[in-house]
Amino acid sequence: MANPLAGEVEIRIGGERRICKLTLGALAELEADLREESLIALIERFDHGSYRAADILAVVVAGLRGGGWEGTRDEFMSLDVDGGVTEAARVAARLLVGAFAPFEQ
């Protein structure tokens, strides 16, 4: 079960439950994959609803890798996300919020 307080988000791919988390390493990988100077542009696209399919793919794959998945982007692209693109976009947005929202005690 995902722990939202730790920035974890659950996704089901290929009928299997996985935990996603944007660790520092996963965020660095994401930044390099999208060739962004910073992640702010990516976050703004999600905030304004102008994100691209490549954004969703990159965030979810980075989150899966941060959660311990050892697959590749190409492997992920061959899998079915339960809930389709809408669910993948929801997971990506929740990952970004979990990684950058201020922690309140």
N, C-alpha and C. Protein backbone atom coordinates (compact mmCIF):
# COMPACT_ATOMS: atom_id res chain seq x y z
N MET A 1 0.84 -1.18 0.00
CA MET A 1 0.00 0.00 0.00
C MET A 1 0.89 1.25 0.00
N ALA A 2 0.53 2.20 -0.82
CA ALA A 2 1.31 3.44 -0.94
C ALA A 2 1.13 4.31 0.30
N ASN A 3 2.21 5.00 0.64
CA ASN A 3 2.19 5.93 1.78
C ASN A 3 2.24 7.35 1.22
N PRO A 4 1.10 8.03 1.13
CA PRO A 4 1.08 9.38 0.56
C PRO A 4 1.92 10.38 1.35
N LEU A 5 2.11 10.16 2.64
CA LEU A 5 2.94 11.07 3.43
C LEU A 5 4.42 10.98 3.04
N ALA A 6 4.78 9.88 2.39
CA ALA A 6 6.16 9.70 1.92
C ALA A 6 6.25 10.01 0.42
N GLY A 7 5.17 10.56 -0.16
CA GLY A 7 5.16 10.90 -1.57
C GLY A 7 4.93 9.71 -2.49
N GLU A 8 4.46 8.61 -1.93
CA GLU A 8 4.23 7.41 -2.73
C GLU A 8 2.84 7.43 -3.35
N VAL A 9 2.76 6.89 -4.57
CA VAL A 9 1.50 6.78 -5.30
C VAL A 9 1.44 5.38 -5.88
N GLU A 10 0.28 4.78 -5.80
CA GLU A 10 0.10 3.43 -6.35
C GLU A 10 -0.38 3.51 -7.79
N ILE A 11 0.12 2.60 -8.61
CA ILE A 11 -0.34 2.46 -9.99
C ILE A 11 -0.43 0.97 -10.29
N ARG A 12 -1.39 0.60 -11.12
CA ARG A 12 -1.51 -0.79 -11.54
C ARG A 12 -1.14 -0.85 -13.03
N ILE A 13 -0.08 -1.61 -13.30
CA ILE A 13 0.34 -1.79 -14.68
C ILE A 13 0.40 -3.28 -14.98
N GLY A 14 -0.18 -3.65 -16.11
CA GLY A 14 -0.24 -5.06 -16.46
C GLY A 14 -0.94 -5.89 -15.41
N GLY A 15 -1.90 -5.28 -14.69
CA GLY A 15 -2.63 -5.97 -13.65
C GLY A 15 -1.88 -6.10 -12.34
N GLU A 16 -0.67 -5.56 -12.27
CA GLU A 16 0.15 -5.67 -11.07
C GLU A 16 0.28 -4.31 -10.37
N ARG A 17 0.10 -4.32 -9.07
CA ARG A 17 0.21 -3.08 -8.28
C ARG A 17 1.68 -2.73 -8.08
N ARG A 18 2.00 -1.46 -8.32
CA ARG A 18 3.36 -0.96 -8.14
C ARG A 18 3.31 0.33 -7.33
N ILE A 19 4.39 0.61 -6.63
CA ILE A 19 4.53 1.86 -5.88
C ILE A 19 5.46 2.78 -6.65
N CYS A 20 5.05 4.03 -6.80
CA CYS A 20 5.86 5.06 -7.46
C CYS A 20 6.26 6.10 -6.42
N LYS A 21 7.46 6.63 -6.60
CA LYS A 21 7.93 7.70 -5.72
C LYS A 21 9.01 8.48 -6.44
N LEU A 22 8.93 9.79 -6.39
CA LEU A 22 9.94 10.63 -7.02
C LEU A 22 11.05 10.93 -6.02
N THR A 23 12.02 10.04 -5.97
CA THR A 23 13.21 10.24 -5.14
C THR A 23 14.08 11.30 -5.81
N LEU A 24 15.12 11.73 -5.12
CA LEU A 24 16.03 12.71 -5.70
C LEU A 24 16.67 12.15 -6.98
N GLY A 25 17.07 10.89 -6.95
CA GLY A 25 17.64 10.26 -8.14
C GLY A 25 16.63 10.18 -9.28
N ALA A 26 15.39 9.84 -8.95
CA ALA A 26 14.34 9.76 -9.97
C ALA A 26 14.06 11.14 -10.56
N LEU A 27 14.10 12.18 -9.73
CA LEU A 27 13.88 13.54 -10.23
C LEU A 27 15.02 13.97 -11.16
N ALA A 28 16.25 13.61 -10.82
CA ALA A 28 17.38 13.94 -11.68
C ALA A 28 17.25 13.22 -13.02
N GLU A 29 16.83 11.96 -12.98
CA GLU A 29 16.62 11.19 -14.20
C GLU A 29 15.51 11.82 -15.03
N LEU A 30 14.46 12.25 -14.38
CA LEU A 30 13.33 12.89 -15.05
C LEU A 30 13.78 14.18 -15.74
N GLU A 31 14.51 14.99 -15.03
CA GLU A 31 15.01 16.25 -15.57
C GLU A 31 15.87 16.01 -16.82
N ALA A 32 16.73 15.01 -16.74
CA ALA A 32 17.60 14.68 -17.88
C ALA A 32 16.79 14.13 -19.04
N ASP A 33 15.80 13.30 -18.74
CA ASP A 33 14.97 12.69 -19.78
C ASP A 33 14.19 13.74 -20.56
N LEU A 34 13.68 14.74 -19.86
CA LEU A 34 12.87 15.78 -20.50
C LEU A 34 13.71 16.94 -21.02
N ARG A 35 15.01 16.92 -20.72
CA ARG A 35 15.93 17.97 -21.16
C ARG A 35 15.44 19.35 -20.73
N GLU A 36 15.02 19.44 -19.49
CA GLU A 36 14.56 20.70 -18.92
C GLU A 36 15.68 21.33 -18.12
N GLU A 37 15.76 22.65 -18.12
CA GLU A 37 16.71 23.33 -17.25
C GLU A 37 16.34 23.11 -15.79
N SER A 38 15.05 23.09 -15.53
CA SER A 38 14.56 22.82 -14.19
C SER A 38 13.22 22.11 -14.31
N LEU A 39 12.75 21.60 -13.22
CA LEU A 39 11.47 20.90 -13.23
C LEU A 39 10.29 21.85 -13.13
N ILE A 40 10.55 23.13 -12.93
CA ILE A 40 9.47 24.11 -12.79
C ILE A 40 8.59 24.15 -14.04
N ALA A 41 9.19 24.11 -15.22
CA ALA A 41 8.40 24.14 -16.46
C ALA A 41 7.47 22.94 -16.53
N LEU A 42 7.95 21.78 -16.13
CA LEU A 42 7.12 20.57 -16.12
C LEU A 42 5.97 20.74 -15.14
N ILE A 43 6.27 21.20 -13.94
CA ILE A 43 5.23 21.39 -12.92
C ILE A 43 4.20 22.40 -13.40
N GLU A 44 4.65 23.47 -14.04
CA GLU A 44 3.72 24.48 -14.56
C GLU A 44 2.81 23.89 -15.63
N ARG A 45 3.34 23.01 -16.49
CA ARG A 45 2.49 22.38 -17.52
C ARG A 45 1.39 21.56 -16.86
N PHE A 46 1.73 20.82 -15.83
CA PHE A 46 0.70 20.04 -15.14
C PHE A 46 -0.29 20.96 -14.44
N ASP A 47 0.22 22.02 -13.83
CA ASP A 47 -0.64 22.97 -13.12
C ASP A 47 -1.64 23.64 -14.06
N HIS A 48 -1.21 23.90 -15.30
CA HIS A 48 -2.08 24.57 -16.28
C HIS A 48 -2.81 23.61 -17.19
N GLY A 49 -2.62 22.30 -16.99
CA GLY A 49 -3.30 21.32 -17.83
C GLY A 49 -2.76 21.25 -19.24
N SER A 50 -1.54 21.71 -19.44
CA SER A 50 -0.96 21.71 -20.79
C SER A 50 0.18 20.70 -20.91
N TYR A 51 0.15 19.67 -20.07
CA TYR A 51 1.17 18.63 -20.12
C TYR A 51 1.02 17.80 -21.39
N ARG A 52 2.12 17.12 -21.74
CA ARG A 52 2.16 16.30 -22.95
C ARG A 52 2.21 14.83 -22.56
N ALA A 53 1.93 13.97 -23.52
CA ALA A 53 2.02 12.53 -23.26
C ALA A 53 3.43 12.16 -22.81
N ALA A 54 4.45 12.79 -23.41
CA ALA A 54 5.83 12.53 -23.02
C ALA A 54 6.08 12.92 -21.57
N ASP A 55 5.41 13.97 -21.09
CA ASP A 55 5.53 14.38 -19.69
C ASP A 55 4.98 13.30 -18.77
N ILE A 56 3.79 12.80 -19.10
CA ILE A 56 3.15 11.76 -18.29
C ILE A 56 4.05 10.53 -18.24
N LEU A 57 4.50 10.10 -19.40
CA LEU A 57 5.35 8.92 -19.50
C LEU A 57 6.62 9.08 -18.67
N ALA A 58 7.29 10.21 -18.81
CA ALA A 58 8.55 10.44 -18.10
C ALA A 58 8.35 10.47 -16.58
N VAL A 59 7.29 11.13 -16.13
CA VAL A 59 7.05 11.23 -14.68
C VAL A 59 6.71 9.86 -14.11
N VAL A 60 5.84 9.13 -14.76
CA VAL A 60 5.44 7.81 -14.24
C VAL A 60 6.63 6.85 -14.24
N VAL A 61 7.40 6.82 -15.31
CA VAL A 61 8.57 5.92 -15.35
C VAL A 61 9.58 6.31 -14.27
N ALA A 62 9.83 7.61 -14.09
CA ALA A 62 10.74 8.05 -13.03
C ALA A 62 10.20 7.64 -11.66
N GLY A 63 8.89 7.79 -11.47
CA GLY A 63 8.28 7.39 -10.21
C GLY A 63 8.39 5.89 -9.96
N LEU A 64 8.17 5.11 -11.00
CA LEU A 64 8.32 3.66 -10.86
C LEU A 64 9.76 3.30 -10.50
N ARG A 65 10.71 3.94 -11.16
CA ARG A 65 12.12 3.67 -10.87
C ARG A 65 12.45 4.08 -9.44
N GLY A 66 11.91 5.21 -8.99
CA GLY A 66 12.11 5.64 -7.61
C GLY A 66 11.48 4.69 -6.61
N GLY A 67 10.46 3.98 -7.06
CA GLY A 67 9.80 2.99 -6.21
C GLY A 67 10.44 1.61 -6.27
N GLY A 68 11.54 1.50 -7.03
CA GLY A 68 12.27 0.24 -7.06
C GLY A 68 12.11 -0.59 -8.32
N TRP A 69 11.26 -0.16 -9.23
CA TRP A 69 11.07 -0.91 -10.49
C TRP A 69 12.34 -0.80 -11.31
N GLU A 70 12.76 -1.87 -11.92
CA GLU A 70 14.00 -1.87 -12.69
C GLU A 70 13.76 -1.91 -14.19
N GLY A 71 12.53 -1.69 -14.61
CA GLY A 71 12.21 -1.71 -16.03
C GLY A 71 12.68 -0.46 -16.74
N THR A 72 12.50 -0.46 -18.04
CA THR A 72 12.91 0.67 -18.86
C THR A 72 11.68 1.39 -19.40
N ARG A 73 11.93 2.55 -19.97
CA ARG A 73 10.86 3.31 -20.60
C ARG A 73 10.18 2.48 -21.70
N ASP A 74 10.99 1.80 -22.51
CA ASP A 74 10.43 0.98 -23.59
C ASP A 74 9.59 -0.16 -23.04
N GLU A 75 10.02 -0.76 -21.94
CA GLU A 75 9.23 -1.83 -21.32
C GLU A 75 7.90 -1.28 -20.81
N PHE A 76 7.96 -0.12 -20.19
CA PHE A 76 6.73 0.48 -19.67
C PHE A 76 5.74 0.76 -20.80
N MET A 77 6.26 1.21 -21.94
CA MET A 77 5.39 1.56 -23.06
C MET A 77 4.65 0.34 -23.62
N SER A 78 5.13 -0.86 -23.33
CA SER A 78 4.47 -2.06 -23.82
C SER A 78 3.44 -2.59 -22.82
N LEU A 79 3.34 -1.98 -21.66
CA LEU A 79 2.41 -2.43 -20.62
C LEU A 79 1.12 -1.61 -20.64
N ASP A 80 0.07 -2.22 -20.16
CA ASP A 80 -1.21 -1.51 -20.03
C ASP A 80 -1.32 -0.92 -18.63
N VAL A 81 -1.66 0.36 -18.57
CA VAL A 81 -1.94 1.01 -17.29
C VAL A 81 -3.42 0.82 -17.01
N ASP A 82 -3.74 0.21 -15.88
CA ASP A 82 -5.15 0.07 -15.51
C ASP A 82 -5.72 1.47 -15.34
N GLY A 83 -6.75 1.80 -16.10
CA GLY A 83 -7.33 3.14 -16.07
C GLY A 83 -6.85 4.00 -17.22
N GLY A 84 -5.89 3.50 -18.00
CA GLY A 84 -5.45 4.17 -19.22
C GLY A 84 -4.70 5.47 -18.98
N VAL A 85 -4.74 6.30 -20.00
CA VAL A 85 -4.01 7.57 -19.99
C VAL A 85 -4.50 8.48 -18.87
N THR A 86 -5.78 8.48 -18.62
CA THR A 86 -6.33 9.33 -17.56
C THR A 86 -5.73 8.97 -16.21
N GLU A 87 -5.63 7.69 -15.93
CA GLU A 87 -5.04 7.25 -14.66
C GLU A 87 -3.55 7.56 -14.62
N ALA A 88 -2.85 7.36 -15.72
CA ALA A 88 -1.42 7.67 -15.76
C ALA A 88 -1.18 9.16 -15.50
N ALA A 89 -2.02 10.02 -16.07
CA ALA A 89 -1.90 11.46 -15.85
C ALA A 89 -2.18 11.81 -14.39
N ARG A 90 -3.16 11.17 -13.80
CA ARG A 90 -3.49 11.40 -12.39
C ARG A 90 -2.32 10.99 -11.50
N VAL A 91 -1.72 9.84 -11.79
CA VAL A 91 -0.58 9.36 -11.02
C VAL A 91 0.59 10.33 -11.15
N ALA A 92 0.87 10.78 -12.38
CA ALA A 92 1.97 11.73 -12.61
C ALA A 92 1.76 13.01 -11.80
N ALA A 93 0.55 13.54 -11.84
CA ALA A 93 0.26 14.78 -11.11
C ALA A 93 0.42 14.56 -9.61
N ARG A 94 -0.08 13.45 -9.10
CA ARG A 94 0.04 13.17 -7.67
C ARG A 94 1.50 12.98 -7.25
N LEU A 95 2.31 12.39 -8.13
CA LEU A 95 3.73 12.24 -7.83
C LEU A 95 4.41 13.60 -7.69
N LEU A 96 4.10 14.49 -8.61
CA LEU A 96 4.70 15.83 -8.56
C LEU A 96 4.27 16.57 -7.30
N VAL A 97 3.00 16.48 -6.96
CA VAL A 97 2.52 17.12 -5.74
C VAL A 97 3.22 16.52 -4.52
N GLY A 98 3.32 15.20 -4.49
CA GLY A 98 3.96 14.53 -3.36
C GLY A 98 5.42 14.87 -3.20
N ALA A 99 6.09 15.12 -4.33
CA ALA A 99 7.51 15.43 -4.28
C ALA A 99 7.78 16.88 -3.88
N PHE A 100 6.86 17.79 -4.24
CA PHE A 100 7.14 19.21 -4.05
C PHE A 100 6.23 19.93 -3.07
N ALA A 101 5.18 19.29 -2.60
CA ALA A 101 4.29 19.95 -1.63
C ALA A 101 5.03 20.07 -0.30
N PRO A 102 4.88 21.19 0.38
CA PRO A 102 5.55 21.33 1.67
C PRO A 102 4.99 20.33 2.67
N PHE A 103 5.87 19.76 3.46
CA PHE A 103 5.46 18.81 4.49
C PHE A 103 5.02 19.56 5.72
N GLU A 104 3.83 19.23 6.18
CA GLU A 104 3.30 19.87 7.38
C GLU A 104 3.20 18.85 8.50
N GLN A 105 3.68 19.23 9.66
CA GLN A 105 3.60 18.33 10.81
C GLN A 105 2.46 18.72 11.72
